[in-house]
Amino acid sequence: MDIRQLAYFVQIAECGSYSLASQKLYITQPALSKVIKNMEEEMGFPFFYTYQRRQRLTDAGQAFYERAAKLLKSYNELIETTYVDEQIDKGHLSVGLSVAAGGSMFAHVLFPFTVEYPMITFSILERETNLLKEEVLKKNLDLAYIDLFYFDQNKDSENFDVYPLVQSENVVVTCVDNPLSQMTDLDYEDLRDQNMILYNGGKEVASQTEVEMRKLGIVPNIVLISTQWNFILDAVANNMGVVFCPYYIYSRYQNPRICAIKLCKHIGYRRTGIITKKNEYQTRACTCFLDYATDLTRYDGIKDRLMYHAAP
């Protein structure tokens, strides 16, 4: 019997259901049932009985649960205390980055953070927001920078703690030869007859736009899909179509053949935030980074690169 098995048992006891516990633990219900059966055989008594379709603790199971819960709490406290007592901030963090300014914000705080905490290392996963949420729940990521447009307060708040950061903006990028380039701001109706280029199949940046355009009876004329911003913006420069693009990505390209056009506020504005799994133990390294990265003053130097500024 090990800590992992005890954690499985405690989760079932607290959920009152193998099904709910298996969802939270991200293992199959048959596999979870097998673990508990082996534990019961080892201990020599049943942990649960079924009452009104829920798993209830037997008397022996209740006594075992009380001791197991205390043991798990002591185990987690022991790990954290070791780092605190040694006064060493070290460890490794797996961080998810969304296309909607996540990479830019993370890069902005990464270097100064590593100077202050040289023994904390990182690995990066770049995906769209909905996939990053799944990876955080599966514990494959310690935290993720996501586009909060895709954060459902009613549903996601049950699974995640969220730390809102600063605002960013999407723009439409077009060729200077396109008549749209003469406009100062755009709404969906202005794009009715435009060829459209989508980043990554329209996910993250353009999926909302595509859905809302269709609601208005506008069928987007998609001529190109790519995951490479260099290629996409070169195609725009050749007047192949227009693209919805985070302003911080557009601002990195110095191509006189393209220009950015502001979108109406309800379309273009975004807010990036950090999410972690709710009620999950956080390592010392994770705590240090969250304390550092959620200090909004640290993003003052990047705000101009996240929000649209019209050319003089």
Protein backbone atom coordinates (compact mmCIF):
# COMPACT_ATOMS: atom_id res chain seq x y z
CA MET A 1 0.00 0.00 0.00
CA ASP A 2 1.39 3.42 -0.93
CA ILE A 3 0.49 7.11 -0.74
CA ARG A 4 -1.14 7.05 -4.17
CA GLN A 5 -3.50 4.23 -3.15
CA LEU A 6 -4.39 6.02 0.08
CA ALA A 7 -5.19 9.14 -1.95
CA TYR A 8 -7.52 7.08 -4.16
CA PHE A 9 -9.32 5.67 -1.11
CA VAL A 10 -9.73 9.12 0.47
CA GLN A 11 -11.09 10.56 -2.79
CA ILE A 12 -13.78 7.86 -3.02
CA ALA A 13 -14.72 8.36 0.62
CA GLU A 14 -15.10 12.10 0.12
CA CYS A 15 -16.99 11.81 -3.20
CA GLY A 16 -19.18 8.92 -2.07
CA SER A 17 -18.90 7.51 -5.56
CA TYR A 18 -16.43 5.49 -7.60
CA SER A 19 -17.64 7.28 -10.72
CA LEU A 20 -17.07 10.81 -9.40
CA ALA A 21 -13.75 9.87 -7.84
CA SER A 22 -12.49 8.29 -11.07
CA GLN A 23 -13.31 11.53 -12.93
CA LYS A 24 -11.42 13.66 -10.44
CA LEU A 25 -8.46 11.26 -10.39
CA TYR A 26 -8.42 10.79 -14.18
CA ILE A 27 -8.31 6.99 -14.04
CA THR A 28 -10.90 4.49 -15.18
CA GLN A 29 -13.53 3.26 -12.74
CA PRO A 30 -12.56 -0.44 -13.17
CA ALA A 31 -8.93 0.40 -12.38
CA LEU A 32 -9.99 2.35 -9.30
CA SER A 33 -12.22 -0.49 -8.11
CA LYS A 34 -9.33 -2.92 -8.48
CA VAL A 35 -7.06 -0.74 -6.34
CA ILE A 36 -9.65 -0.60 -3.54
CA LYS A 37 -10.30 -4.35 -3.74
CA ASN A 38 -6.57 -5.05 -3.33
CA MET A 39 -6.38 -2.66 -0.38
CA GLU A 40 -9.38 -4.33 1.30
CA GLU A 41 -7.76 -7.74 0.85
CA GLU A 42 -4.55 -6.42 2.36
CA MET A 43 -6.34 -4.89 5.36
CA GLY A 44 -8.80 -7.77 5.82
CA PHE A 45 -12.03 -5.78 5.94
CA PRO A 46 -14.33 -3.92 3.49
CA PHE A 47 -14.07 -0.15 3.28
CA PHE A 48 -17.46 0.62 1.74
CA TYR A 49 -21.04 -0.54 1.42
CA THR A 50 -23.66 0.75 -1.02
CA TYR A 51 -26.61 2.76 0.30
CA GLN A 52 -29.00 4.69 -1.99
CA ARG A 53 -26.51 4.35 -4.85
CA ARG A 54 -23.69 5.94 -2.86
CA GLN A 55 -20.61 4.46 -1.28
CA ARG A 56 -20.77 4.66 2.51
CA LEU A 57 -17.88 3.86 4.85
CA THR A 58 -18.16 0.81 7.06
CA ASP A 59 -17.20 1.28 10.73
CA ALA A 60 -13.74 -0.09 10.00
CA GLY A 61 -13.60 1.97 6.80
CA GLN A 62 -14.43 5.16 8.72
CA ALA A 63 -11.62 4.53 11.22
CA PHE A 64 -9.25 3.79 8.34
CA TYR A 65 -10.36 6.95 6.51
CA GLU A 66 -9.69 9.20 9.50
CA ARG A 67 -6.13 7.90 9.82
CA ALA A 68 -5.50 7.93 6.05
CA ALA A 69 -6.67 11.55 5.71
CA LYS A 70 -4.36 12.63 8.54
CA LEU A 71 -1.48 10.72 6.97
CA LEU A 72 -1.97 12.39 3.58
CA LYS A 73 -2.14 15.82 5.18
CA SER A 74 1.05 15.13 7.13
CA TYR A 75 2.76 13.83 3.98
CA ASN A 76 1.99 17.02 2.04
CA GLU A 77 3.04 19.20 4.98
CA LEU A 78 6.27 17.24 5.26
CA ILE A 79 7.20 17.94 1.63
CA GLU A 80 6.45 21.65 1.93
CA THR A 81 8.21 21.96 5.29
CA THR A 82 11.38 20.44 3.85
CA TYR A 83 11.69 23.23 1.30
CA VAL A 84 10.80 25.96 3.79
CA ASP A 85 13.17 24.71 6.47
CA GLU A 86 16.07 24.46 4.04
CA GLN A 87 15.22 27.95 2.73
CA ILE A 88 15.84 26.69 -0.80
CA ASP A 89 13.44 27.69 -3.53
CA LYS A 90 13.95 25.02 -6.15
CA GLY A 91 11.97 22.69 -8.38
CA HIS A 92 10.57 22.33 -11.88
CA LEU A 93 7.36 23.79 -13.32
CA SER A 94 5.39 22.73 -16.39
CA VAL A 95 3.69 25.81 -17.84
CA GLY A 96 1.02 26.01 -20.55
CA LEU A 97 0.85 29.00 -22.89
CA SER A 98 -2.10 30.04 -25.06
CA VAL A 99 -1.71 31.99 -28.27
CA ALA A 100 -3.67 34.95 -26.86
CA ALA A 101 -0.69 36.80 -25.35
CA GLY A 102 0.25 33.97 -22.97
CA GLY A 103 3.72 33.55 -24.47
CA SER A 104 4.43 37.26 -24.43
CA MET A 105 3.41 37.70 -20.80
CA PHE A 106 5.27 34.63 -19.61
CA ALA A 107 8.45 35.63 -21.45
CA HIS A 108 8.24 39.10 -19.90
CA VAL A 109 8.45 37.77 -16.33
CA LEU A 110 10.56 34.66 -16.98
CA PHE A 111 14.03 36.22 -17.12
CA PRO A 112 13.78 38.39 -13.99
CA PHE A 113 12.15 35.49 -12.15
CA THR A 114 14.99 33.08 -13.01
CA VAL A 115 17.49 35.67 -11.84
CA GLU A 116 15.77 35.76 -8.47
CA TYR A 117 15.08 32.00 -8.37
CA PRO A 118 17.91 30.34 -10.32
CA MET A 119 17.11 26.83 -9.04
CA ILE A 120 13.59 26.75 -10.49
CA THR A 121 13.40 25.41 -14.05
CA PHE A 122 10.59 25.31 -16.63
CA SER A 123 9.15 23.26 -19.47
CA ILE A 124 6.60 24.78 -21.87
CA LEU A 125 3.51 23.47 -23.67
CA GLU A 126 1.83 25.71 -26.27
CA ARG A 127 -1.80 24.86 -27.01
CA GLU A 128 -5.22 26.49 -27.29
CA THR A 129 -6.94 27.41 -24.04
CA ASN A 130 -9.43 24.53 -23.87
CA LEU A 131 -6.65 21.95 -24.30
CA LEU A 132 -4.54 23.69 -21.66
CA LYS A 133 -7.43 23.43 -19.19
CA GLU A 134 -7.54 19.68 -19.77
CA GLU A 135 -3.81 19.34 -19.19
CA VAL A 136 -4.01 21.28 -15.91
CA LEU A 137 -6.82 18.99 -14.71
CA LYS A 138 -4.75 15.92 -15.64
CA LYS A 139 -1.84 17.38 -13.61
CA ASN A 140 0.37 17.43 -16.70
CA LEU A 141 0.73 21.19 -16.17
CA ASP A 142 1.31 23.06 -12.91
CA LEU A 143 -0.28 26.22 -14.31
CA ALA A 144 -1.29 27.80 -17.60
CA TYR A 145 -1.63 31.24 -19.13
CA ILE A 146 -5.02 31.22 -20.89
CA ASP A 147 -7.42 33.49 -22.74
CA LEU A 148 -10.12 34.20 -20.13
CA PHE A 149 -12.71 34.58 -22.89
CA TYR A 150 -12.77 30.77 -22.84
CA PHE A 151 -13.07 30.56 -19.03
CA ASP A 152 -16.64 29.68 -18.03
CA GLN A 153 -17.20 31.12 -14.55
CA ASN A 154 -20.14 28.79 -13.83
CA LYS A 155 -18.39 25.60 -14.92
CA ASP A 156 -14.64 26.19 -14.71
CA SER A 157 -14.64 27.84 -11.28
CA GLU A 158 -15.36 24.42 -9.77
CA ASN A 159 -12.10 23.05 -11.16
CA PHE A 160 -9.68 25.97 -11.31
CA ASP A 161 -8.29 28.86 -9.34
CA VAL A 162 -7.86 31.82 -11.69
CA TYR A 163 -5.53 34.82 -11.45
CA PRO A 164 -6.56 37.55 -13.95
CA LEU A 165 -3.67 39.52 -15.43
CA VAL A 166 -3.62 42.39 -17.93
CA GLN A 167 -5.73 43.09 -20.99
CA SER A 168 -4.61 42.36 -24.55
CA GLU A 169 -6.16 43.01 -27.93
CA ASN A 170 -6.83 41.24 -31.22
CA VAL A 171 -6.75 43.15 -34.50
CA VAL A 172 -7.50 42.46 -38.14
CA VAL A 173 -4.35 42.46 -40.26
CA THR A 174 -4.80 43.27 -43.95
CA CYS A 175 -2.74 44.17 -46.99
CA VAL A 176 -2.31 47.91 -47.58
CA ASP A 177 -3.87 47.37 -51.03
CA ASN A 178 -7.10 46.13 -49.47
CA PRO A 179 -9.76 48.89 -49.13
CA LEU A 180 -10.23 47.78 -45.51
CA SER A 181 -6.84 49.32 -44.74
CA GLN A 182 -8.47 52.77 -44.96
CA MET A 183 -10.88 52.02 -42.11
CA THR A 184 -10.20 52.94 -38.49
CA ASP A 185 -12.24 50.16 -36.85
CA LEU A 186 -14.14 47.09 -37.93
CA ASP A 187 -17.20 45.04 -37.05
CA TYR A 188 -18.22 41.63 -38.37
CA GLU A 189 -20.37 43.14 -41.12
CA ASP A 190 -17.30 44.80 -42.61
CA LEU A 191 -15.81 41.35 -43.22
CA ARG A 192 -18.76 39.86 -45.09
CA ASP A 193 -17.04 39.83 -48.51
CA GLN A 194 -13.47 39.31 -47.32
CA ASN A 195 -11.26 36.28 -47.86
CA MET A 196 -10.22 35.07 -44.42
CA ILE A 197 -7.10 33.33 -43.18
CA LEU A 198 -7.31 31.41 -39.91
CA TYR A 199 -4.59 30.57 -37.44
CA ASN A 200 -4.56 26.91 -36.36
CA GLY A 201 -7.90 26.01 -37.87
CA GLY A 202 -9.57 29.05 -36.38
CA LYS A 203 -8.99 27.92 -32.81
CA GLU A 204 -8.34 30.32 -29.93
CA VAL A 205 -8.12 33.59 -31.88
CA ALA A 206 -10.72 33.13 -34.60
CA SER A 207 -13.18 30.48 -33.41
CA GLN A 208 -15.30 33.00 -31.52
CA THR A 209 -15.32 35.27 -34.55
CA GLU A 210 -16.30 32.49 -36.94
CA VAL A 211 -19.18 31.37 -34.71
CA GLU A 212 -20.50 34.90 -34.18
CA MET A 213 -20.27 35.74 -37.89
CA ARG A 214 -22.36 32.67 -38.72
CA LYS A 215 -24.96 33.75 -36.15
CA LEU A 216 -25.32 36.99 -38.12
CA GLY A 217 -25.80 35.05 -41.33
CA ILE A 218 -22.27 35.76 -42.54
CA VAL A 219 -20.46 32.72 -43.89
CA PRO A 220 -16.68 33.32 -43.61
CA ASN A 221 -14.85 32.69 -46.88
CA ILE A 222 -11.85 30.80 -45.46
CA VAL A 223 -9.05 30.55 -48.03
CA LEU A 224 -6.13 29.44 -45.87
CA ILE A 225 -5.45 27.74 -42.53
CA SER A 226 -1.99 27.59 -40.98
CA THR A 227 -0.15 27.36 -37.66
CA GLN A 228 2.75 29.56 -38.85
CA TRP A 229 2.38 33.29 -38.28
CA ASN A 230 5.29 34.09 -40.64
CA PHE A 231 3.54 32.32 -43.49
CA ILE A 232 0.12 33.79 -42.62
CA LEU A 233 1.35 37.39 -42.54
CA ASP A 234 3.31 36.92 -45.77
CA ALA A 235 0.07 35.68 -47.36
CA VAL A 236 -1.73 38.78 -46.03
CA ALA A 237 1.03 40.99 -47.46
CA ASN A 238 0.30 39.43 -50.86
CA ASN A 239 -3.38 40.34 -50.45
CA MET A 240 -4.54 36.73 -50.20
CA GLY A 241 -6.88 37.55 -47.31
CA VAL A 242 -7.25 39.11 -43.86
CA VAL A 243 -6.51 37.51 -40.50
CA PHE A 244 -7.53 37.98 -36.87
CA CYS A 245 -4.28 38.30 -34.97
CA PRO A 246 -3.13 39.16 -31.42
CA TYR A 247 -1.67 42.66 -31.58
CA TYR A 248 1.53 41.59 -29.81
CA ILE A 249 2.25 39.16 -32.67
CA TYR A 250 1.51 41.75 -35.37
CA SER A 251 3.74 44.32 -33.65
CA ARG A 252 6.79 42.06 -34.08
CA TYR A 253 6.59 42.21 -37.89
CA GLN A 254 8.00 45.20 -39.76
CA ASN A 255 6.37 44.66 -43.15
CA PRO A 256 5.23 47.82 -44.99
CA ARG A 257 2.76 45.72 -46.99
CA ILE A 258 0.51 44.97 -44.01
CA CYS A 259 -1.37 47.08 -41.49
CA ALA A 260 -3.50 46.48 -38.39
CA ILE A 261 -7.07 47.68 -38.02
CA LYS A 262 -8.76 48.02 -34.66
CA LEU A 263 -11.77 45.84 -33.91
CA CYS A 264 -14.84 47.00 -32.03
CA LYS A 265 -14.25 46.62 -28.31
CA HIS A 266 -16.59 43.66 -27.78
CA ILE A 267 -14.74 41.72 -30.48
CA GLY A 268 -11.11 42.62 -30.01
CA TYR A 269 -10.44 42.95 -26.32
CA ARG A 270 -9.08 39.98 -24.40
CA ARG A 271 -7.84 39.34 -20.88
CA THR A 272 -5.16 36.79 -20.09
CA GLY A 273 -4.97 34.97 -16.77
CA ILE A 274 -3.17 32.14 -15.00
CA ILE A 275 -5.07 29.04 -13.91
CA THR A 276 -4.14 26.25 -11.50
CA LYS A 277 -6.10 23.18 -10.44
CA LYS A 278 -8.39 23.97 -7.51
CA ASN A 279 -7.70 22.34 -4.14
CA GLU A 280 -4.47 20.86 -5.46
CA TYR A 281 -1.24 20.88 -3.47
CA GLN A 282 1.18 23.47 -4.87
CA THR A 283 4.90 22.93 -4.70
CA ARG A 284 7.19 25.58 -3.30
CA ALA A 285 8.34 26.38 -6.85
CA CYS A 286 4.74 26.91 -7.99
CA THR A 287 3.94 29.15 -5.03
CA CYS A 288 7.02 31.28 -5.68
CA PHE A 289 6.14 31.73 -9.34
CA LEU A 290 2.47 32.56 -8.68
CA ASP A 291 3.43 35.16 -6.09
CA TYR A 292 5.82 36.70 -8.61
CA ALA A 293 3.77 36.42 -11.83
CA THR A 294 0.45 37.65 -10.37
CA ASP A 295 1.99 40.97 -9.30
CA LEU A 296 0.38 43.12 -12.02
CA THR A 297 3.05 45.83 -11.77
CA ARG A 298 5.50 43.42 -13.37
CA TYR A 299 3.59 43.72 -16.67
CA ASP A 300 3.79 47.51 -16.90
CA GLY A 301 6.63 47.29 -19.41
CA ILE A 302 4.67 45.13 -21.85
CA LYS A 303 1.24 46.79 -21.96
CA ASP A 304 2.12 48.92 -24.99
CA ARG A 305 2.92 45.77 -26.97
CA LEU A 306 -0.38 44.12 -26.06
CA MET A 307 -2.79 46.92 -27.01
CA TYR A 308 -3.34 48.49 -30.42
CA HIS A 309 -1.83 51.89 -31.17
CA ALA A 310 -2.74 53.58 -34.44
CA ALA A 311 0.15 54.69 -36.64
CA PRO A 312 0.72 58.46 -36.48
